[in-house]
Amino acid sequence: QVQLVESGGGLVQAGGSLRLSCTTSGRTFSDYAMGWFRLAPGKEREFVAAIMWSDLIKYYADSVKGRFTISRDNAKNTVYLQMNSLKPEDTAVYYCAATVDRRGDQYSQAYEYESWGQGTQVTVSS
């Protein structure tokens, strides 16, 4: 089992940037595909981005394409989510997730992940 700890959330004005980090422990980081999801009040959990074992393969939700970038540093056991041009509708609790299961497709569904972090709040003011 892997432990995930997110950080980097906060309050930012619309148009600003934040970088979220998710650091893992407990198992070899390169064994995992990693994803970011978010949960806003009154809404369902939403896929944001995923990065595969090869960091050349990445997936993004349409709502964040061109604004968010997911990356990983296997030496630091960390996955990042760089968020630029933030909008008020990006306000949510952001969660990172991990999976060792290689049978998935684009890893955009929550059930495809075994391990989750506790979340970090991102608030974008207008």
N, C-alpha and C. Protein backbone atom coordinates (compact mmCIF):
# COMPACT_ATOMS: atom_id res chain seq x y z
N GLN A 1 0.84 -1.18 0.00
CA GLN A 1 0.00 0.00 0.00
C GLN A 1 0.88 1.24 0.00
N VAL A 2 0.48 2.22 -0.77
CA VAL A 2 1.23 3.47 -0.86
C VAL A 2 0.49 4.56 -0.11
N GLN A 3 1.24 5.45 0.50
CA GLN A 3 0.66 6.61 1.16
C GLN A 3 0.90 7.83 0.27
N LEU A 4 -0.12 8.66 0.15
CA LEU A 4 -0.08 9.84 -0.72
C LEU A 4 -0.36 11.08 0.12
N VAL A 5 0.46 12.09 -0.06
CA VAL A 5 0.27 13.35 0.66
C VAL A 5 0.33 14.50 -0.34
N GLU A 6 -0.79 15.22 -0.46
CA GLU A 6 -0.83 16.36 -1.36
C GLU A 6 -0.44 17.64 -0.63
N SER A 7 0.07 18.59 -1.39
CA SER A 7 0.38 19.91 -0.85
C SER A 7 0.34 20.92 -1.99
N GLY A 8 0.36 22.20 -1.64
CA GLY A 8 0.44 23.24 -2.65
C GLY A 8 -0.85 23.98 -2.91
N GLY A 9 -1.92 23.54 -2.29
CA GLY A 9 -3.18 24.24 -2.49
C GLY A 9 -3.18 25.61 -1.82
N GLY A 10 -4.21 26.39 -2.11
CA GLY A 10 -4.31 27.70 -1.50
C GLY A 10 -5.32 28.56 -2.18
N LEU A 11 -5.26 29.85 -1.88
CA LEU A 11 -6.16 30.84 -2.46
C LEU A 11 -5.41 31.65 -3.50
N VAL A 12 -6.01 31.77 -4.68
CA VAL A 12 -5.36 32.50 -5.77
C VAL A 12 -6.42 33.25 -6.55
N GLN A 13 -6.03 34.35 -7.14
CA GLN A 13 -6.97 35.11 -7.97
C GLN A 13 -7.11 34.46 -9.35
N ALA A 14 -8.23 34.72 -9.97
CA ALA A 14 -8.44 34.21 -11.33
C ALA A 14 -7.31 34.68 -12.24
N GLY A 15 -6.84 33.78 -13.07
CA GLY A 15 -5.72 34.05 -13.94
C GLY A 15 -4.38 33.68 -13.35
N GLY A 16 -4.35 33.37 -12.07
CA GLY A 16 -3.12 33.02 -11.40
C GLY A 16 -2.75 31.56 -11.57
N SER A 17 -1.69 31.15 -10.87
CA SER A 17 -1.15 29.80 -10.99
C SER A 17 -0.89 29.20 -9.62
N LEU A 18 -0.96 27.88 -9.59
CA LEU A 18 -0.56 27.10 -8.42
C LEU A 18 0.08 25.82 -8.92
N ARG A 19 0.96 25.27 -8.12
CA ARG A 19 1.50 23.94 -8.41
C ARG A 19 1.23 23.03 -7.24
N LEU A 20 0.48 21.99 -7.51
CA LEU A 20 0.21 20.98 -6.50
C LEU A 20 1.27 19.89 -6.57
N SER A 21 1.59 19.33 -5.42
CA SER A 21 2.52 18.21 -5.33
C SER A 21 1.84 17.07 -4.61
N CYS A 22 2.22 15.87 -4.97
CA CYS A 22 1.74 14.67 -4.28
C CYS A 22 2.95 13.77 -4.09
N THR A 23 3.34 13.60 -2.86
CA THR A 23 4.50 12.78 -2.54
C THR A 23 4.04 11.44 -2.00
N THR A 24 4.68 10.38 -2.46
CA THR A 24 4.27 9.04 -2.07
C THR A 24 5.33 8.36 -1.23
N SER A 25 4.92 7.37 -0.48
CA SER A 25 5.83 6.54 0.29
C SER A 25 5.22 5.16 0.43
N GLY A 26 6.06 4.17 0.63
CA GLY A 26 5.56 2.83 0.90
C GLY A 26 5.82 1.83 -0.20
N ARG A 27 6.08 2.28 -1.40
CA ARG A 27 6.32 1.36 -2.50
C ARG A 27 7.07 2.13 -3.59
N THR A 28 7.70 1.41 -4.49
CA THR A 28 8.45 2.05 -5.56
C THR A 28 7.53 2.93 -6.40
N PHE A 29 7.83 4.21 -6.46
CA PHE A 29 6.96 5.18 -7.12
C PHE A 29 6.75 4.85 -8.59
N SER A 30 7.79 4.38 -9.25
CA SER A 30 7.68 4.10 -10.68
C SER A 30 6.75 2.93 -10.99
N ASP A 31 6.30 2.21 -9.97
CA ASP A 31 5.31 1.14 -10.16
C ASP A 31 3.92 1.69 -10.43
N TYR A 32 3.71 2.98 -10.19
CA TYR A 32 2.38 3.56 -10.19
C TYR A 32 2.12 4.47 -11.37
N ALA A 33 0.91 4.37 -11.91
CA ALA A 33 0.34 5.45 -12.70
C ALA A 33 -0.35 6.38 -11.70
N MET A 34 -0.31 7.67 -11.98
CA MET A 34 -0.81 8.65 -11.04
C MET A 34 -1.89 9.52 -11.69
N GLY A 35 -2.85 9.90 -10.88
CA GLY A 35 -3.91 10.75 -11.39
C GLY A 35 -4.25 11.86 -10.41
N TRP A 36 -4.87 12.88 -10.94
CA TRP A 36 -5.43 13.97 -10.12
C TRP A 36 -6.93 14.04 -10.40
N PHE A 37 -7.69 14.17 -9.35
CA PHE A 37 -9.13 14.38 -9.41
C PHE A 37 -9.48 15.58 -8.54
N ARG A 38 -10.68 16.10 -8.73
CA ARG A 38 -11.12 17.20 -7.89
C ARG A 38 -12.59 17.04 -7.54
N LEU A 39 -12.95 17.61 -6.39
CA LEU A 39 -14.31 17.55 -5.90
C LEU A 39 -14.72 18.94 -5.45
N ALA A 40 -15.70 19.49 -6.14
CA ALA A 40 -16.23 20.80 -5.79
C ALA A 40 -17.57 20.64 -5.07
N PRO A 41 -17.92 21.60 -4.23
CA PRO A 41 -19.19 21.50 -3.48
C PRO A 41 -20.37 21.33 -4.42
N GLY A 42 -21.20 20.34 -4.13
CA GLY A 42 -22.40 20.12 -4.91
C GLY A 42 -22.17 19.43 -6.23
N LYS A 43 -20.94 19.01 -6.50
CA LYS A 43 -20.62 18.36 -7.77
C LYS A 43 -20.03 16.98 -7.52
N GLU A 44 -20.00 16.19 -8.57
CA GLU A 44 -19.38 14.86 -8.47
C GLU A 44 -17.86 14.99 -8.64
N ARG A 45 -17.17 13.98 -8.16
CA ARG A 45 -15.72 13.96 -8.33
C ARG A 45 -15.40 13.95 -9.82
N GLU A 46 -14.42 14.73 -10.19
CA GLU A 46 -14.10 14.94 -11.60
C GLU A 46 -12.65 14.61 -11.86
N PHE A 47 -12.40 13.87 -12.94
CA PHE A 47 -11.04 13.59 -13.38
C PHE A 47 -10.40 14.88 -13.89
N VAL A 48 -9.12 15.05 -13.55
CA VAL A 48 -8.38 16.22 -14.00
C VAL A 48 -7.26 15.81 -14.96
N ALA A 49 -6.39 14.91 -14.51
CA ALA A 49 -5.24 14.54 -15.34
C ALA A 49 -4.66 13.23 -14.83
N ALA A 50 -3.95 12.54 -15.71
CA ALA A 50 -3.27 11.31 -15.34
C ALA A 50 -1.95 11.21 -16.07
N ILE A 51 -1.00 10.55 -15.45
CA ILE A 51 0.30 10.33 -16.07
C ILE A 51 0.66 8.87 -15.87
N MET A 52 1.13 8.26 -16.96
CA MET A 52 1.39 6.84 -16.92
C MET A 52 2.80 6.55 -16.41
N TRP A 53 3.12 5.27 -16.39
CA TRP A 53 4.42 4.84 -15.92
C TRP A 53 5.53 5.49 -16.75
N SER A 54 5.27 5.58 -18.05
CA SER A 54 6.14 6.39 -18.88
C SER A 54 5.60 7.81 -18.85
N ASP A 55 6.37 8.75 -18.44
CA ASP A 55 5.83 10.11 -18.32
C ASP A 55 5.62 10.78 -19.67
N LEU A 56 5.79 10.02 -20.74
CA LEU A 56 5.46 10.54 -22.06
C LEU A 56 3.97 10.44 -22.34
N ILE A 57 3.26 9.64 -21.57
CA ILE A 57 1.83 9.43 -21.80
C ILE A 57 1.05 10.13 -20.70
N LYS A 58 0.25 11.10 -21.12
CA LYS A 58 -0.53 11.90 -20.18
C LYS A 58 -1.94 12.08 -20.74
N TYR A 59 -2.88 12.21 -19.85
CA TYR A 59 -4.27 12.45 -20.22
C TYR A 59 -4.81 13.64 -19.43
N TYR A 60 -5.68 14.39 -20.07
CA TYR A 60 -6.26 15.56 -19.42
C TYR A 60 -7.76 15.63 -19.68
N ALA A 61 -8.47 16.17 -18.69
CA ALA A 61 -9.87 16.50 -18.93
C ALA A 61 -9.93 17.69 -19.88
N ASP A 62 -10.97 17.73 -20.69
CA ASP A 62 -11.11 18.83 -21.65
C ASP A 62 -11.13 20.18 -20.95
N SER A 63 -11.66 20.21 -19.74
CA SER A 63 -11.82 21.48 -19.02
C SER A 63 -10.49 22.09 -18.59
N VAL A 64 -9.43 21.29 -18.60
CA VAL A 64 -8.13 21.81 -18.13
C VAL A 64 -7.05 21.76 -19.21
N LYS A 65 -7.36 21.19 -20.35
CA LYS A 65 -6.34 21.09 -21.41
C LYS A 65 -5.83 22.46 -21.78
N GLY A 66 -4.51 22.55 -21.93
CA GLY A 66 -3.89 23.81 -22.28
C GLY A 66 -3.62 24.72 -21.11
N ARG A 67 -4.18 24.38 -19.94
CA ARG A 67 -3.95 25.21 -18.75
C ARG A 67 -3.20 24.45 -17.66
N PHE A 68 -3.46 23.17 -17.53
CA PHE A 68 -2.84 22.33 -16.51
C PHE A 68 -1.82 21.39 -17.14
N THR A 69 -0.77 21.09 -16.38
CA THR A 69 0.25 20.15 -16.83
C THR A 69 0.58 19.19 -15.70
N ILE A 70 0.49 17.91 -15.98
CA ILE A 70 0.87 16.90 -15.01
C ILE A 70 2.27 16.41 -15.34
N SER A 71 3.05 16.16 -14.30
CA SER A 71 4.40 15.65 -14.49
C SER A 71 4.78 14.80 -13.28
N ARG A 72 5.85 14.07 -13.41
CA ARG A 72 6.30 13.24 -12.30
C ARG A 72 7.82 13.27 -12.23
N ASP A 73 8.32 13.10 -11.00
CA ASP A 73 9.75 12.99 -10.75
C ASP A 73 9.94 11.71 -9.95
N ASN A 74 10.33 10.65 -10.62
CA ASN A 74 10.45 9.37 -9.95
C ASN A 74 11.54 9.38 -8.88
N ALA A 75 12.56 10.20 -9.04
CA ALA A 75 13.63 10.28 -8.05
C ALA A 75 13.13 10.90 -6.74
N LYS A 76 12.08 11.71 -6.84
CA LYS A 76 11.53 12.38 -5.67
C LYS A 76 10.21 11.77 -5.21
N ASN A 77 9.78 10.70 -5.89
CA ASN A 77 8.52 10.03 -5.54
C ASN A 77 7.35 11.01 -5.53
N THR A 78 7.34 11.89 -6.50
CA THR A 78 6.37 12.99 -6.49
C THR A 78 5.75 13.18 -7.86
N VAL A 79 4.45 13.45 -7.85
CA VAL A 79 3.73 13.87 -9.05
C VAL A 79 3.27 15.30 -8.82
N TYR A 80 3.29 16.08 -9.89
CA TYR A 80 2.94 17.49 -9.82
C TYR A 80 1.74 17.79 -10.72
N LEU A 81 1.04 18.84 -10.35
CA LEU A 81 0.00 19.39 -11.22
C LEU A 81 0.21 20.90 -11.26
N GLN A 82 0.77 21.36 -12.38
CA GLN A 82 0.95 22.79 -12.59
C GLN A 82 -0.35 23.35 -13.16
N MET A 83 -0.92 24.31 -12.47
CA MET A 83 -2.21 24.88 -12.88
C MET A 83 -2.03 26.35 -13.20
N ASN A 84 -2.24 26.69 -14.45
CA ASN A 84 -2.13 28.07 -14.91
C ASN A 84 -3.49 28.58 -15.37
N SER A 85 -3.59 29.89 -15.51
CA SER A 85 -4.83 30.53 -15.98
C SER A 85 -6.03 30.00 -15.20
N LEU A 86 -5.89 29.99 -13.91
CA LEU A 86 -6.95 29.42 -13.07
C LEU A 86 -8.23 30.23 -13.16
N LYS A 87 -9.34 29.51 -13.05
CA LYS A 87 -10.67 30.10 -13.12
C LYS A 87 -11.43 29.79 -11.83
N PRO A 88 -12.42 30.59 -11.51
CA PRO A 88 -13.21 30.28 -10.30
C PRO A 88 -13.80 28.88 -10.33
N GLU A 89 -14.14 28.38 -11.49
CA GLU A 89 -14.71 27.04 -11.57
C GLU A 89 -13.69 25.93 -11.32
N ASP A 90 -12.41 26.28 -11.17
CA ASP A 90 -11.41 25.31 -10.77
C ASP A 90 -11.38 25.11 -9.26
N THR A 91 -12.14 25.90 -8.53
CA THR A 91 -12.19 25.78 -7.08
C THR A 91 -12.70 24.40 -6.69
N ALA A 92 -11.93 23.70 -5.87
CA ALA A 92 -12.28 22.34 -5.47
C ALA A 92 -11.22 21.82 -4.51
N VAL A 93 -11.51 20.68 -3.91
CA VAL A 93 -10.47 19.92 -3.23
C VAL A 93 -9.85 18.99 -4.27
N TYR A 94 -8.55 19.03 -4.37
CA TYR A 94 -7.82 18.24 -5.35
C TYR A 94 -7.18 17.04 -4.66
N TYR A 95 -7.39 15.88 -5.27
CA TYR A 95 -6.88 14.63 -4.73
C TYR A 95 -5.94 13.97 -5.73
N CYS A 96 -4.85 13.43 -5.24
CA CYS A 96 -4.05 12.58 -6.11
C CYS A 96 -4.38 11.12 -5.81
N ALA A 97 -4.15 10.29 -6.80
CA ALA A 97 -4.48 8.88 -6.71
C ALA A 97 -3.41 8.07 -7.42
N ALA A 98 -3.29 6.80 -7.01
CA ALA A 98 -2.26 5.94 -7.55
C ALA A 98 -2.81 4.57 -7.88
N THR A 99 -2.28 3.95 -8.93
CA THR A 99 -2.66 2.60 -9.28
C THR A 99 -1.48 1.84 -9.85
N VAL A 100 -1.42 0.53 -9.55
CA VAL A 100 -0.41 -0.33 -10.16
C VAL A 100 -1.04 -1.19 -11.25
N ASP A 101 -2.36 -1.09 -11.41
CA ASP A 101 -3.09 -1.92 -12.37
C ASP A 101 -2.89 -1.38 -13.78
N ARG A 102 -2.31 -2.20 -14.65
CA ARG A 102 -2.00 -1.74 -16.01
C ARG A 102 -3.08 -2.12 -17.00
N ARG A 103 -4.25 -2.53 -16.53
CA ARG A 103 -5.32 -2.92 -17.44
C ARG A 103 -6.23 -1.76 -17.80
N GLY A 104 -6.00 -0.61 -17.23
CA GLY A 104 -6.88 0.52 -17.47
C GLY A 104 -6.71 1.10 -18.86
N ASP A 105 -7.58 2.07 -19.17
CA ASP A 105 -7.54 2.73 -20.47
C ASP A 105 -6.87 4.08 -20.29
N GLN A 106 -7.62 5.12 -20.11
CA GLN A 106 -7.02 6.44 -19.92
C GLN A 106 -6.97 6.83 -18.46
N TYR A 107 -7.35 5.92 -17.61
CA TYR A 107 -7.23 6.14 -16.17
C TYR A 107 -7.96 7.43 -15.76
N SER A 108 -9.12 7.62 -16.30
CA SER A 108 -9.91 8.81 -15.97
C SER A 108 -11.06 8.50 -15.02
N GLN A 109 -11.15 7.25 -14.57
CA GLN A 109 -12.21 6.85 -13.66
C GLN A 109 -11.64 6.58 -12.28
N ALA A 110 -12.34 7.02 -11.25
CA ALA A 110 -11.85 6.88 -9.89
C ALA A 110 -11.66 5.43 -9.51
N TYR A 111 -12.51 4.53 -10.02
CA TYR A 111 -12.41 3.13 -9.62
C TYR A 111 -11.14 2.47 -10.12
N GLU A 112 -10.44 3.10 -11.02
CA GLU A 112 -9.20 2.54 -11.56
C GLU A 112 -8.00 2.74 -10.62
N TYR A 113 -8.21 3.46 -9.53
CA TYR A 113 -7.13 3.77 -8.60
C TYR A 113 -7.36 3.10 -7.25
N GLU A 114 -6.28 2.59 -6.67
CA GLU A 114 -6.38 1.89 -5.39
C GLU A 114 -6.11 2.79 -4.19
N SER A 115 -5.30 3.80 -4.37
CA SER A 115 -4.84 4.60 -3.25
C SER A 115 -5.12 6.08 -3.52
N TRP A 116 -5.48 6.77 -2.42
CA TRP A 116 -5.86 8.19 -2.53
C TRP A 116 -5.22 9.00 -1.41
N GLY A 117 -4.93 10.26 -1.74
CA GLY A 117 -4.47 11.18 -0.72
C GLY A 117 -5.65 11.82 0.01
N GLN A 118 -5.32 12.71 0.93
CA GLN A 118 -6.34 13.32 1.76
C GLN A 118 -6.93 14.58 1.13
N GLY A 119 -6.29 15.09 0.09
CA GLY A 119 -6.80 16.24 -0.63
C GLY A 119 -6.18 17.55 -0.18
N THR A 120 -6.17 18.50 -1.09
CA THR A 120 -5.70 19.85 -0.80
C THR A 120 -6.67 20.84 -1.45
N GLN A 121 -7.03 21.87 -0.71
CA GLN A 121 -8.03 22.82 -1.17
C GLN A 121 -7.41 23.85 -2.11
N VAL A 122 -8.07 24.06 -3.23
CA VAL A 122 -7.71 25.13 -4.17
C VAL A 122 -8.92 26.04 -4.30
N THR A 123 -8.71 27.31 -4.02
CA THR A 123 -9.78 28.30 -4.14
C THR A 123 -9.34 29.41 -5.07
N VAL A 124 -10.15 29.65 -6.10
CA VAL A 124 -9.84 30.68 -7.09
C VAL A 124 -10.89 31.77 -6.97
N SER A 125 -10.45 32.96 -6.64
CA SER A 125 -11.38 34.07 -6.47
C SER A 125 -11.51 34.85 -7.78
N SER A 126 -12.68 35.40 -7.98
CA SER A 126 -12.93 36.14 -9.22
C SER A 126 -12.58 37.62 -9.07
